[in-house]
N, C-alpha and C. Protein backbone atom coordinates (compact mmCIF):
# COMPACT_ATOMS: atom_id res chain seq x y z
N UNK A 1 10.97 42.27 12.20
CA UNK A 1 11.66 43.36 12.56
C UNK A 1 10.78 44.64 11.92
N UNK A 2 10.74 45.67 12.93
CA UNK A 2 9.79 46.64 12.53
C UNK A 2 10.86 47.71 12.39
N UNK A 3 10.96 48.27 11.17
CA UNK A 3 11.99 49.42 10.79
C UNK A 3 11.08 50.67 10.99
N UNK A 4 11.40 51.71 11.68
CA UNK A 4 10.91 52.85 11.98
C UNK A 4 11.64 54.02 11.78
N UNK A 5 11.14 55.33 11.48
CA UNK A 5 11.69 56.53 11.28
C UNK A 5 11.11 57.49 12.30
N UNK A 6 12.08 58.36 12.65
CA UNK A 6 11.42 59.40 13.62
C UNK A 6 11.70 60.66 13.03
N UNK A 7 10.91 61.72 12.91
CA UNK A 7 10.87 62.88 12.34
C UNK A 7 10.99 63.89 13.77
N UNK A 8 12.27 64.30 14.19
CA UNK A 8 12.17 65.05 15.39
C UNK A 8 13.38 65.91 15.47
N UNK A 9 13.19 67.08 15.75
CA UNK A 9 14.23 68.02 15.85
C UNK A 9 14.96 68.43 17.15
N UNK A 10 14.34 67.75 18.19
CA UNK A 10 15.21 67.64 19.45
C UNK A 10 15.96 66.36 19.49
N UNK A 11 17.23 66.79 19.64
CA UNK A 11 18.22 65.83 19.91
C UNK A 11 18.27 64.80 21.00
N UNK A 12 17.76 65.74 22.17
CA UNK A 12 17.87 64.66 23.22
C UNK A 12 16.63 63.52 23.09
N UNK A 13 15.61 64.12 22.63
CA UNK A 13 14.61 62.51 22.04
C UNK A 13 14.96 61.99 21.47
N UNK A 14 15.61 62.35 20.19
CA UNK A 14 16.39 61.21 19.35
C UNK A 14 17.33 60.35 20.10
N UNK A 15 17.90 60.70 20.90
CA UNK A 15 18.93 59.97 21.67
C UNK A 15 18.09 59.09 22.42
N UNK A 16 17.13 59.39 23.19
CA UNK A 16 16.35 58.83 23.78
C UNK A 16 15.58 57.59 22.94
N UNK A 17 15.17 58.17 21.88
CA UNK A 17 14.44 56.80 20.98
C UNK A 17 15.44 55.89 20.48
N UNK A 18 16.72 56.29 20.36
CA UNK A 18 17.68 55.35 19.86
C UNK A 18 18.13 54.68 20.71
N UNK A 19 18.39 54.88 22.22
CA UNK A 19 18.57 53.92 23.07
C UNK A 19 17.49 53.00 23.68
N UNK A 20 16.32 53.54 23.32
CA UNK A 20 15.08 52.64 23.51
C UNK A 20 14.96 51.54 22.62
N UNK A 21 15.11 51.81 21.18
CA UNK A 21 14.91 50.82 20.08
C UNK A 21 15.95 50.06 20.32
N UNK A 22 16.91 50.15 21.13
CA UNK A 22 18.21 49.29 21.08
C UNK A 22 17.87 48.04 22.13
N UNK A 23 17.00 48.61 22.96
CA UNK A 23 16.39 47.48 23.91
C UNK A 23 15.43 46.30 23.75
N UNK A 24 14.90 46.53 22.18
CA UNK A 24 13.90 45.89 21.67
C UNK A 24 14.36 44.95 20.74
N UNK A 25 13.90 43.84 20.77
CA UNK A 25 14.41 42.67 19.72
C UNK A 25 13.65 42.76 18.48
N UNK A 26 12.56 43.29 18.22
CA UNK A 26 11.58 43.42 17.30
C UNK A 26 11.67 44.70 16.50
N UNK A 27 12.39 45.69 16.73
CA UNK A 27 12.28 47.17 16.34
C UNK A 27 13.64 47.79 15.95
N UNK A 28 13.58 48.59 14.97
CA UNK A 28 14.95 49.38 14.90
C UNK A 28 14.64 50.61 14.14
N UNK A 29 15.28 51.46 14.90
CA UNK A 29 15.49 52.99 14.23
C UNK A 29 16.13 53.13 13.38
N UNK A 30 15.44 53.17 11.97
CA UNK A 30 16.22 52.92 10.80
C UNK A 30 16.87 54.50 10.29
N UNK A 31 15.85 55.38 10.57
CA UNK A 31 16.32 56.63 10.00
C UNK A 31 15.94 57.75 10.86
N UNK A 32 16.52 59.10 11.02
CA UNK A 32 16.22 60.14 11.89
C UNK A 32 16.35 61.04 10.98
N UNK A 33 15.44 62.16 11.16
CA UNK A 33 15.29 63.47 10.18
C UNK A 33 14.92 64.35 10.84
N UNK A 34 15.34 65.99 10.92
CA UNK A 34 14.76 66.85 11.29
C UNK A 34 13.58 67.68 10.61
N UNK A 35 13.38 67.05 9.50
CA UNK A 35 12.23 67.62 8.76
C UNK A 35 11.45 66.87 7.71
N UNK A 36 10.15 66.94 7.37
CA UNK A 36 9.65 65.80 6.41
C UNK A 36 10.46 65.98 5.17
N UNK A 37 10.77 67.24 4.73
CA UNK A 37 11.76 67.25 3.48
C UNK A 37 13.20 66.54 3.45
N UNK A 38 13.65 66.41 4.89
CA UNK A 38 14.84 65.76 4.91
C UNK A 38 14.61 64.20 4.80
N UNK A 39 13.38 63.71 5.45
CA UNK A 39 13.35 62.14 5.20
C UNK A 39 12.86 61.75 3.99
N UNK A 40 11.80 62.63 3.27
CA UNK A 40 11.47 62.40 1.95
C UNK A 40 12.73 62.34 0.82
N UNK A 41 13.37 62.88 1.18
CA UNK A 41 14.70 63.30 0.41
C UNK A 41 15.56 62.29 0.70
N UNK A 42 15.68 61.43 1.31
CA UNK A 42 16.67 60.46 1.61
C UNK A 42 16.58 59.33 1.26
N UNK A 43 15.43 58.91 0.71
CA UNK A 43 15.32 57.70 -0.22
C UNK A 43 15.32 56.80 0.72
N UNK A 44 15.63 55.27 -0.22
CA UNK A 44 15.58 54.07 0.79
C UNK A 44 14.69 53.38 0.94
N UNK A 45 13.37 53.73 0.46
CA UNK A 45 12.09 53.17 0.66
C UNK A 45 11.58 53.82 1.97
N UNK A 46 10.07 53.39 2.17
CA UNK A 46 9.53 53.60 3.35
C UNK A 46 9.54 52.62 4.50
N UNK A 47 9.91 53.36 5.67
CA UNK A 47 9.93 52.63 6.82
C UNK A 47 8.44 52.07 7.25
N UNK A 48 8.44 50.94 8.02
CA UNK A 48 7.24 50.63 8.46
C UNK A 48 6.12 51.62 9.16
N UNK A 49 6.78 52.52 9.91
CA UNK A 49 5.90 53.54 10.55
C UNK A 49 6.96 54.68 10.71
N UNK A 50 6.36 55.87 10.80
CA UNK A 50 7.14 57.03 10.94
C UNK A 50 6.52 58.10 12.01
N UNK A 51 7.63 57.97 13.36
CA UNK A 51 7.09 58.85 14.13
C UNK A 51 7.40 60.21 13.92
N UNK A 52 6.08 61.42 14.33
CA UNK A 52 6.43 62.37 13.93
C UNK A 52 6.02 63.34 14.91
N UNK A 53 6.90 64.48 15.20
CA UNK A 53 6.71 65.56 15.94
C UNK A 53 6.13 66.67 15.12
N UNK A 54 4.54 66.89 15.68
CA UNK A 54 3.73 67.49 14.97
C UNK A 54 4.28 69.07 15.04
N UNK A 55 5.09 69.67 15.97
CA UNK A 55 5.53 71.01 16.18
C UNK A 55 7.11 71.14 15.47
N UNK A 56 7.01 70.72 14.55
CA UNK A 56 8.77 70.98 13.96
C UNK A 56 8.88 72.57 13.67
N UNK A 57 9.97 72.95 14.34
CA UNK A 57 10.33 74.42 13.83
C UNK A 57 10.62 74.99 12.46
N UNK A 58 11.00 73.67 11.74
CA UNK A 58 11.16 74.29 10.27
C UNK A 58 10.08 74.11 9.62
N UNK A 59 8.98 73.24 9.98
CA UNK A 59 7.83 72.71 9.45
C UNK A 59 6.55 72.55 10.09
N UNK A 60 6.13 73.96 10.63
CA UNK A 60 5.16 73.93 11.50
C UNK A 60 3.76 73.27 11.48
N UNK A 61 3.26 73.05 10.26
CA UNK A 61 1.98 72.62 9.93
C UNK A 61 1.81 71.36 10.19
N UNK A 62 1.22 70.76 11.23
CA UNK A 62 1.04 69.45 11.10
C UNK A 62 0.31 68.51 10.36
N UNK A 63 -0.80 69.20 9.83
CA UNK A 63 -1.64 68.40 8.87
C UNK A 63 -0.75 68.58 7.51
N UNK A 64 -0.22 69.43 7.21
CA UNK A 64 0.55 69.36 5.92
C UNK A 64 1.57 68.04 6.05
N UNK A 65 2.29 68.16 7.28
CA UNK A 65 3.38 67.20 7.25
C UNK A 65 2.72 65.65 7.11
N UNK A 66 1.68 65.46 7.75
CA UNK A 66 0.94 64.18 8.12
C UNK A 66 0.53 63.51 6.63
N UNK A 67 0.10 64.74 5.87
CA UNK A 67 -0.57 64.37 4.49
C UNK A 67 0.57 64.44 3.64
N UNK A 68 1.83 64.86 3.68
CA UNK A 68 2.78 64.38 2.60
C UNK A 68 3.46 63.17 3.03
N UNK A 69 3.28 62.86 4.10
CA UNK A 69 4.09 61.68 4.47
C UNK A 69 3.41 60.41 4.08
N UNK A 70 2.09 60.65 4.28
CA UNK A 70 0.83 59.47 3.78
C UNK A 70 0.92 59.40 2.46
N UNK A 71 0.94 60.54 1.59
CA UNK A 71 0.76 60.61 0.21
C UNK A 71 2.26 60.03 -0.49
N UNK A 72 3.48 59.84 0.54
CA UNK A 72 4.67 59.27 0.18
C UNK A 72 4.58 57.79 0.32
N UNK A 73 3.57 57.26 0.94
CA UNK A 73 3.23 55.79 1.20
C UNK A 73 3.71 55.25 2.73
N UNK A 74 3.71 56.44 3.57
CA UNK A 74 4.06 55.94 5.06
C UNK A 74 2.76 55.85 5.98
N UNK A 75 3.25 55.06 6.79
CA UNK A 75 2.11 55.03 8.05
C UNK A 75 2.92 56.10 9.18
N UNK A 76 1.82 56.87 9.72
CA UNK A 76 2.41 57.85 10.45
C UNK A 76 1.82 57.96 11.79
N UNK A 77 2.48 58.07 12.83
CA UNK A 77 2.16 58.00 14.19
C UNK A 77 2.58 59.43 14.83
N UNK A 78 1.74 60.33 15.18
CA UNK A 78 2.10 61.48 15.90
C UNK A 78 2.18 61.43 17.10
N UNK A 79 3.39 61.99 17.39
CA UNK A 79 3.95 62.01 18.97
C UNK A 79 3.63 63.23 19.27
N UNK A 80 2.73 63.68 20.29
CA UNK A 80 2.39 64.97 20.71
C UNK A 80 2.91 65.48 22.10
N UNK A 81 3.64 66.16 22.24
CA UNK A 81 3.86 66.67 23.74
C UNK A 81 3.21 68.28 23.92
N UNK A 82 2.52 68.77 23.02
CA UNK A 82 1.73 70.07 23.16
C UNK A 82 0.30 69.75 23.87
N UNK A 83 -0.17 70.55 24.89
CA UNK A 83 -1.29 70.73 25.44
C UNK A 83 -2.46 70.92 24.70
N UNK A 84 -2.20 71.32 23.57
CA UNK A 84 -3.27 71.80 22.76
C UNK A 84 -4.06 70.67 22.21
N UNK A 85 -5.45 70.65 22.76
CA UNK A 85 -6.24 69.38 22.58
C UNK A 85 -6.77 69.50 21.14
N UNK A 86 -6.57 70.51 20.42
CA UNK A 86 -7.17 70.04 18.92
C UNK A 86 -6.21 69.65 18.17
N UNK A 87 -4.78 69.12 18.66
CA UNK A 87 -3.75 68.55 17.78
C UNK A 87 -4.32 67.37 17.42
N UNK A 88 -5.02 66.34 18.23
CA UNK A 88 -5.43 65.22 17.68
C UNK A 88 -6.50 65.33 16.40
N UNK A 89 -7.29 66.19 16.51
CA UNK A 89 -8.10 66.51 15.86
C UNK A 89 -7.67 66.99 14.26
N UNK A 90 -6.63 67.72 14.22
CA UNK A 90 -5.60 67.79 12.79
C UNK A 90 -5.07 66.54 12.53
N UNK A 91 -4.46 65.89 13.33
CA UNK A 91 -3.81 64.74 12.98
C UNK A 91 -4.83 63.73 12.43
N UNK A 92 -5.84 63.48 12.89
CA UNK A 92 -6.85 62.65 12.50
C UNK A 92 -7.41 62.89 11.11
N UNK A 93 -7.89 64.53 11.07
CA UNK A 93 -8.59 64.73 9.80
C UNK A 93 -7.39 64.57 8.81
N UNK A 94 -6.19 64.81 8.95
CA UNK A 94 -5.25 64.86 7.87
C UNK A 94 -4.89 63.42 7.60
N UNK A 95 -5.40 62.48 8.32
CA UNK A 95 -5.31 61.04 7.99
C UNK A 95 -4.24 60.17 8.57
N UNK A 96 -3.68 60.70 9.94
CA UNK A 96 -2.64 59.79 10.42
C UNK A 96 -3.01 58.48 11.17
N UNK A 97 -2.34 57.77 11.16
CA UNK A 97 -2.71 56.17 11.50
C UNK A 97 -2.89 56.03 13.07
N UNK A 98 -2.08 57.05 13.73
CA UNK A 98 -1.98 56.95 15.18
C UNK A 98 -1.72 58.22 15.87
N UNK A 99 -2.08 58.55 17.02
CA UNK A 99 -1.80 59.68 17.73
C UNK A 99 -1.50 59.22 19.13
N UNK A 100 -0.35 59.66 19.90
CA UNK A 100 -0.05 59.35 21.09
C UNK A 100 0.72 60.65 22.02
N UNK A 101 -0.19 60.81 22.86
CA UNK A 101 0.80 61.86 23.85
C UNK A 101 1.89 61.39 24.54
N UNK A 102 3.03 62.42 24.65
CA UNK A 102 4.22 61.94 25.22
C UNK A 102 4.00 61.91 26.80
N UNK A 103 2.87 61.56 27.53
CA UNK A 103 2.80 61.32 28.73
C UNK A 103 2.77 59.77 28.98
N UNK A 104 2.67 59.36 27.83
CA UNK A 104 2.42 57.50 27.85
C UNK A 104 3.83 57.15 27.83
N UNK A 105 4.15 55.92 28.36
CA UNK A 105 5.41 55.31 28.56
C UNK A 105 5.84 54.73 26.90
N UNK A 106 6.96 53.81 27.12
CA UNK A 106 7.42 53.38 26.09
C UNK A 106 6.68 51.89 25.63
N UNK A 107 6.28 51.50 26.55
CA UNK A 107 5.63 50.17 26.64
C UNK A 107 4.38 50.63 25.53
N UNK A 108 3.69 51.81 25.87
CA UNK A 108 2.34 52.09 25.21
C UNK A 108 2.91 52.42 23.74
N UNK A 109 4.19 53.10 23.39
CA UNK A 109 4.57 53.88 22.47
C UNK A 109 4.82 52.37 21.37
N UNK A 110 5.51 51.28 21.97
CA UNK A 110 5.93 49.90 21.25
C UNK A 110 4.58 49.31 20.86
N UNK A 111 3.58 49.31 21.77
CA UNK A 111 2.36 48.71 21.45
C UNK A 111 1.74 49.25 20.46
N UNK A 112 1.48 50.68 20.28
CA UNK A 112 0.77 51.51 19.59
C UNK A 112 1.42 51.36 18.16
N UNK A 113 2.76 51.34 17.89
CA UNK A 113 3.59 50.89 16.68
C UNK A 113 3.48 49.86 16.26
N UNK A 114 3.42 48.71 16.91
CA UNK A 114 2.95 47.26 16.43
C UNK A 114 1.55 47.27 16.32
N UNK A 115 0.59 47.82 16.45
CA UNK A 115 -0.86 47.91 15.78
C UNK A 115 -0.88 48.62 14.92
N UNK A 116 -0.21 49.73 14.53
CA UNK A 116 -0.13 50.36 13.08
C UNK A 116 0.53 49.90 12.20
N UNK A 117 1.47 48.94 12.52
CA UNK A 117 1.98 48.18 11.31
C UNK A 117 1.32 46.95 11.02
N UNK A 118 0.40 46.57 12.02
CA UNK A 118 -0.23 45.28 11.73
C UNK A 118 -1.38 45.80 11.06
N UNK A 119 -1.78 46.90 10.79
CA UNK A 119 -2.53 47.61 9.97
C UNK A 119 -3.82 48.12 10.91
N UNK A 120 -3.97 48.42 11.92
CA UNK A 120 -4.45 49.11 12.98
C UNK A 120 -4.39 50.42 12.98
N UNK A 121 -5.31 51.10 13.90
CA UNK A 121 -5.15 52.48 14.16
C UNK A 121 -5.10 52.74 15.53
N UNK A 122 -4.71 53.77 16.02
CA UNK A 122 -4.34 53.65 17.44
C UNK A 122 -4.33 55.26 18.14
N UNK A 123 -5.62 55.52 18.67
CA UNK A 123 -5.66 57.08 19.13
C UNK A 123 -5.64 57.07 20.73
N UNK A 124 -4.99 57.79 21.37
CA UNK A 124 -4.77 57.80 22.63
C UNK A 124 -4.52 59.52 23.06
N UNK A 125 -5.50 60.11 23.25
CA UNK A 125 -5.29 61.58 23.48
C UNK A 125 -4.89 61.89 24.79
N UNK A 126 -5.09 60.85 25.82
CA UNK A 126 -4.87 60.98 27.13
C UNK A 126 -5.47 62.20 27.85
N UNK A 127 -4.47 62.66 28.63
CA UNK A 127 -5.15 63.96 29.40
C UNK A 127 -5.19 65.62 28.69
N UNK A 128 -4.69 65.35 27.46
CA UNK A 128 -4.76 66.62 26.59
C UNK A 128 -5.99 67.09 26.51
N UNK A 129 -7.09 65.96 26.43
CA UNK A 129 -8.31 66.32 26.13
C UNK A 129 -9.15 66.80 27.52
N UNK A 130 -9.80 67.91 27.39
CA UNK A 130 -10.59 68.33 28.67
C UNK A 130 -12.06 68.04 28.72
N UNK A 131 -12.32 66.97 29.71
CA UNK A 131 -13.46 66.39 29.80
C UNK A 131 -14.58 67.14 29.69
N UNK A 132 -15.51 66.58 29.01
CA UNK A 132 -16.97 67.36 28.66
C UNK A 132 -16.81 68.24 27.53
N UNK A 133 -15.64 68.83 26.88
CA UNK A 133 -15.58 69.40 25.93
C UNK A 133 -16.05 68.75 24.76
N UNK A 134 -17.04 69.97 23.93
CA UNK A 134 -17.92 69.51 22.88
C UNK A 134 -17.72 70.40 21.69
N UNK A 135 -18.29 70.22 20.60
CA UNK A 135 -18.60 71.26 19.50
C UNK A 135 -20.15 71.03 19.17
N UNK A 136 -20.24 71.73 18.14
CA UNK A 136 -21.50 71.92 17.46
C UNK A 136 -21.93 70.47 16.89
N UNK A 137 -23.25 70.00 17.41
CA UNK A 137 -23.64 68.47 16.82
C UNK A 137 -22.91 67.32 17.34
N UNK A 138 -22.05 67.50 18.33
CA UNK A 138 -21.40 66.39 18.95
C UNK A 138 -22.04 66.35 20.60
N UNK A 139 -22.33 65.23 20.61
CA UNK A 139 -22.80 64.99 22.14
C UNK A 139 -21.70 64.99 23.42
N UNK A 140 -22.10 65.38 24.48
CA UNK A 140 -21.06 65.63 25.62
C UNK A 140 -20.83 64.23 26.08
N UNK A 141 -19.51 63.91 26.16
CA UNK A 141 -18.97 62.38 26.57
C UNK A 141 -18.36 62.50 27.92
N UNK A 142 -18.65 61.60 28.75
CA UNK A 142 -18.00 61.30 30.09
C UNK A 142 -16.53 61.12 29.57
N UNK A 143 -15.62 61.18 30.54
CA UNK A 143 -14.21 60.89 30.58
C UNK A 143 -13.92 59.24 29.99
N UNK A 144 -14.94 58.58 30.83
CA UNK A 144 -14.72 57.04 30.62
C UNK A 144 -15.57 56.46 29.09
N UNK A 145 -16.48 57.59 29.06
CA UNK A 145 -17.21 56.99 27.71
C UNK A 145 -16.26 57.55 26.51
N UNK A 146 -15.63 58.64 26.70
CA UNK A 146 -14.59 58.86 25.85
C UNK A 146 -13.48 58.05 25.32
N UNK A 147 -13.01 57.42 26.48
CA UNK A 147 -12.13 56.21 26.38
C UNK A 147 -12.31 55.25 25.75
N UNK A 148 -13.67 54.74 26.11
CA UNK A 148 -14.13 53.39 25.87
C UNK A 148 -14.06 53.73 24.08
N UNK A 149 -14.80 54.87 24.00
CA UNK A 149 -15.13 55.20 22.25
C UNK A 149 -13.76 55.00 21.60
N UNK A 150 -12.69 55.69 22.01
CA UNK A 150 -11.62 56.01 21.26
C UNK A 150 -10.72 54.68 21.12
N UNK A 151 -10.79 54.27 22.50
CA UNK A 151 -10.20 52.55 22.03
C UNK A 151 -10.46 51.61 21.23
N UNK A 152 -12.05 51.62 21.31
CA UNK A 152 -12.85 50.66 20.33
C UNK A 152 -12.63 51.20 18.80
N UNK A 153 -12.73 52.48 18.62
CA UNK A 153 -12.58 52.67 17.19
C UNK A 153 -11.08 52.68 16.64
N UNK A 154 -10.17 52.39 17.58
CA UNK A 154 -8.76 52.28 17.29
C UNK A 154 -8.21 51.12 16.38
N UNK A 155 -9.46 50.29 16.58
CA UNK A 155 -9.26 48.92 15.73
C UNK A 155 -9.07 47.77 17.09
N UNK A 156 -9.55 48.02 18.20
CA UNK A 156 -9.50 47.09 19.33
C UNK A 156 -11.02 46.52 19.31
N UNK A 157 -10.84 45.32 19.93
CA UNK A 157 -12.19 44.42 19.67
C UNK A 157 -12.80 45.09 21.01
N UNK A 158 -13.88 44.80 21.46
CA UNK A 158 -14.51 45.58 22.49
C UNK A 158 -13.69 44.94 24.13
N UNK A 159 -13.34 43.79 23.86
CA UNK A 159 -12.90 43.03 25.06
C UNK A 159 -11.43 43.39 25.37
N UNK A 160 -10.92 43.70 24.10
CA UNK A 160 -9.63 44.25 24.13
C UNK A 160 -9.43 45.54 24.86
N UNK A 161 -10.60 46.48 24.24
CA UNK A 161 -10.49 47.89 24.77
C UNK A 161 -10.88 47.92 26.26
N UNK A 162 -11.65 46.89 26.69
CA UNK A 162 -11.87 46.81 28.29
C UNK A 162 -10.79 46.52 28.89
N UNK A 163 -10.01 45.63 28.59
CA UNK A 163 -8.62 45.20 29.32
C UNK A 163 -7.60 46.29 29.20
N UNK A 164 -7.83 46.95 28.14
CA UNK A 164 -6.73 47.97 28.12
C UNK A 164 -6.95 49.03 29.13
N UNK A 165 -8.53 49.40 29.50
CA UNK A 165 -8.51 50.44 30.40
C UNK A 165 -9.02 49.67 31.79
N UNK A 166 -8.93 48.70 32.02
CA UNK A 166 -8.91 48.03 32.89
C UNK A 166 -10.21 47.87 33.51
N UNK A 167 -11.08 47.75 32.92
CA UNK A 167 -12.50 47.53 33.12
C UNK A 167 -13.03 46.33 32.58
N UNK A 168 -14.12 45.76 32.81
CA UNK A 168 -14.90 44.49 32.21
C UNK A 168 -15.28 44.49 31.25
N UNK A 169 -15.62 43.78 30.29
CA UNK A 169 -16.14 43.84 29.01
C UNK A 169 -17.57 44.22 29.38
N UNK A 170 -18.51 44.22 30.13
CA UNK A 170 -19.60 44.25 30.30
C UNK A 170 -19.79 45.65 30.50
N UNK A 171 -19.24 46.39 31.38
CA UNK A 171 -18.71 47.72 31.78
C UNK A 171 -18.66 48.54 30.49
N UNK A 172 -17.53 48.22 29.77
CA UNK A 172 -17.37 48.65 28.31
C UNK A 172 -18.37 48.86 27.52
N UNK A 173 -19.20 47.53 27.32
CA UNK A 173 -20.18 47.57 26.53
C UNK A 173 -21.51 48.54 27.04
N UNK A 174 -21.53 48.79 28.43
CA UNK A 174 -22.65 49.70 28.88
C UNK A 174 -22.19 50.73 28.37
N UNK A 175 -20.73 51.49 28.43
CA UNK A 175 -20.27 52.90 28.10
C UNK A 175 -20.45 53.03 26.51
N UNK A 176 -20.31 51.84 25.70
CA UNK A 176 -20.49 51.93 24.32
C UNK A 176 -22.08 52.34 24.11
N UNK A 177 -22.76 51.60 24.68
CA UNK A 177 -24.15 51.81 24.66
C UNK A 177 -24.82 53.25 24.67
N UNK A 178 -24.18 53.84 25.73
CA UNK A 178 -24.53 55.47 26.09
C UNK A 178 -23.89 56.26 24.91
N UNK A 179 -22.67 55.79 24.77
CA UNK A 179 -22.09 56.78 23.78
C UNK A 179 -23.22 56.70 22.23
N UNK A 180 -23.46 55.49 21.95
CA UNK A 180 -24.23 55.34 20.71
C UNK A 180 -25.79 55.99 21.02
N UNK A 181 -26.27 55.87 22.02
CA UNK A 181 -27.65 56.63 22.53
C UNK A 181 -27.38 58.16 22.35
N UNK A 182 -26.26 58.65 22.99
CA UNK A 182 -26.03 59.96 22.85
C UNK A 182 -25.83 60.62 21.42
N UNK A 183 -25.09 59.80 20.50
CA UNK A 183 -24.97 60.32 19.24
C UNK A 183 -26.15 60.19 18.38
N UNK A 184 -27.00 59.11 18.84
CA UNK A 184 -28.34 59.13 17.94
C UNK A 184 -29.53 60.17 18.53
N UNK A 185 -29.34 60.54 19.83
CA UNK A 185 -30.02 61.61 20.28
C UNK A 185 -29.58 62.92 19.70
N UNK A 186 -28.25 63.07 19.28
CA UNK A 186 -27.71 64.30 18.70
C UNK A 186 -28.04 64.37 17.16
N UNK A 187 -28.83 63.45 16.79
CA UNK A 187 -29.06 63.39 15.09
C UNK A 187 -28.14 62.54 14.41
N UNK A 188 -27.35 61.61 14.96
CA UNK A 188 -26.21 60.92 14.23
C UNK A 188 -26.68 59.34 14.28
N UNK A 189 -26.86 58.82 13.15
CA UNK A 189 -27.17 57.39 13.01
C UNK A 189 -25.97 56.49 13.08
N UNK A 190 -25.73 56.10 14.50
CA UNK A 190 -24.83 55.16 14.57
C UNK A 190 -25.06 54.06 15.42
N UNK A 191 -24.65 52.81 14.60
CA UNK A 191 -25.34 51.79 15.23
C UNK A 191 -23.85 50.69 15.07
N UNK A 192 -22.79 50.75 14.36
CA UNK A 192 -22.15 49.78 13.96
C UNK A 192 -20.73 50.33 14.38
N UNK A 193 -19.74 49.47 14.63
CA UNK A 193 -18.23 50.01 15.00
C UNK A 193 -17.78 51.06 13.58
N UNK A 194 -18.13 50.69 12.43
CA UNK A 194 -17.73 51.45 11.40
C UNK A 194 -18.49 52.85 11.69
N UNK A 195 -19.89 52.74 11.99
CA UNK A 195 -20.35 54.08 12.00
C UNK A 195 -19.76 54.95 12.87
N UNK A 196 -19.40 54.41 14.24
CA UNK A 196 -18.39 54.87 15.12
C UNK A 196 -17.45 55.71 14.66
N UNK A 197 -16.67 54.88 13.91
CA UNK A 197 -15.36 55.41 13.35
C UNK A 197 -15.42 56.63 12.37
N UNK A 198 -16.55 56.38 11.67
CA UNK A 198 -16.67 57.35 10.31
C UNK A 198 -17.10 58.81 11.52
N UNK A 199 -17.87 58.44 12.47
CA UNK A 199 -18.62 59.57 13.01
C UNK A 199 -17.33 60.54 14.04
N UNK A 200 -16.37 59.83 14.56
CA UNK A 200 -15.33 60.21 14.86
C UNK A 200 -14.54 61.04 14.14
N UNK A 201 -14.16 60.25 12.89
CA UNK A 201 -13.16 61.14 11.79
C UNK A 201 -14.09 62.32 11.34
N UNK A 202 -15.51 62.51 11.34
CA UNK A 202 -16.15 63.62 10.95
C UNK A 202 -16.12 64.70 11.99
N UNK A 203 -16.09 64.08 13.26
CA UNK A 203 -16.06 65.21 14.27
C UNK A 203 -14.58 65.67 14.16
N UNK A 204 -13.70 65.06 14.15
CA UNK A 204 -12.24 65.72 14.10
C UNK A 204 -12.03 66.23 13.13
N UNK A 205 -12.63 66.26 11.77
CA UNK A 205 -12.31 67.17 10.78
C UNK A 205 -13.23 68.41 10.95
N UNK A 206 -13.75 68.44 11.65
CA UNK A 206 -14.75 69.59 11.79
C UNK A 206 -14.08 70.32 13.28
N UNK A 207 -12.87 69.77 13.99
CA UNK A 207 -12.29 70.34 15.04
C UNK A 207 -13.15 70.16 16.19
N UNK A 208 -13.84 69.17 16.24
CA UNK A 208 -14.98 69.12 17.52
C UNK A 208 -14.30 67.42 17.89
N UNK A 209 -13.26 67.02 17.64
CA UNK A 209 -12.90 65.50 18.39
C UNK A 209 -13.61 65.17 19.58
N UNK A 210 -13.92 63.80 19.82
CA UNK A 210 -14.41 63.45 20.99
C UNK A 210 -13.38 63.67 22.15
């Protein structure tokens, strides 16, 4: 059973989460709080994962909120409804274990939570990212290259990443080779999965998340 908490100050969304969790045999909404302070002061140990609205009215700095939760021993999944594409960069730089935009369905939410609880990371920026956006020192990636990269560094195998994107493993491998080649031409020595993950984290810490 996965016990999760939600930090959300929109009561309609909380009611929806509670109803959804009641349909799943392996998940339970254990706690709800309107702020990070409220959750941390409630006691009762850490849930398996905390769903965090990054744009809380009482505590509007998402990086601080993510960092406080992680420092308290929590796994954090940011659920973002904002169109601001830099939000994923700020969340990743702060150390969040996952990021999911609200245009994803509840099946994606459940899969992401299970991945995080199993020790993985899951990043699904989705359409909040503008294709072709880039920053200093980071090469431009196509939309498909970006999706393969983010799925791969989230902890999936290349075959699993390909299945999640609806493409063949060989096609995913081709896109990944292009990503590595582009990074190397930009002066970044990326050869392994760890190299790519570290490079994505470095890019996001500079506000130039892929």
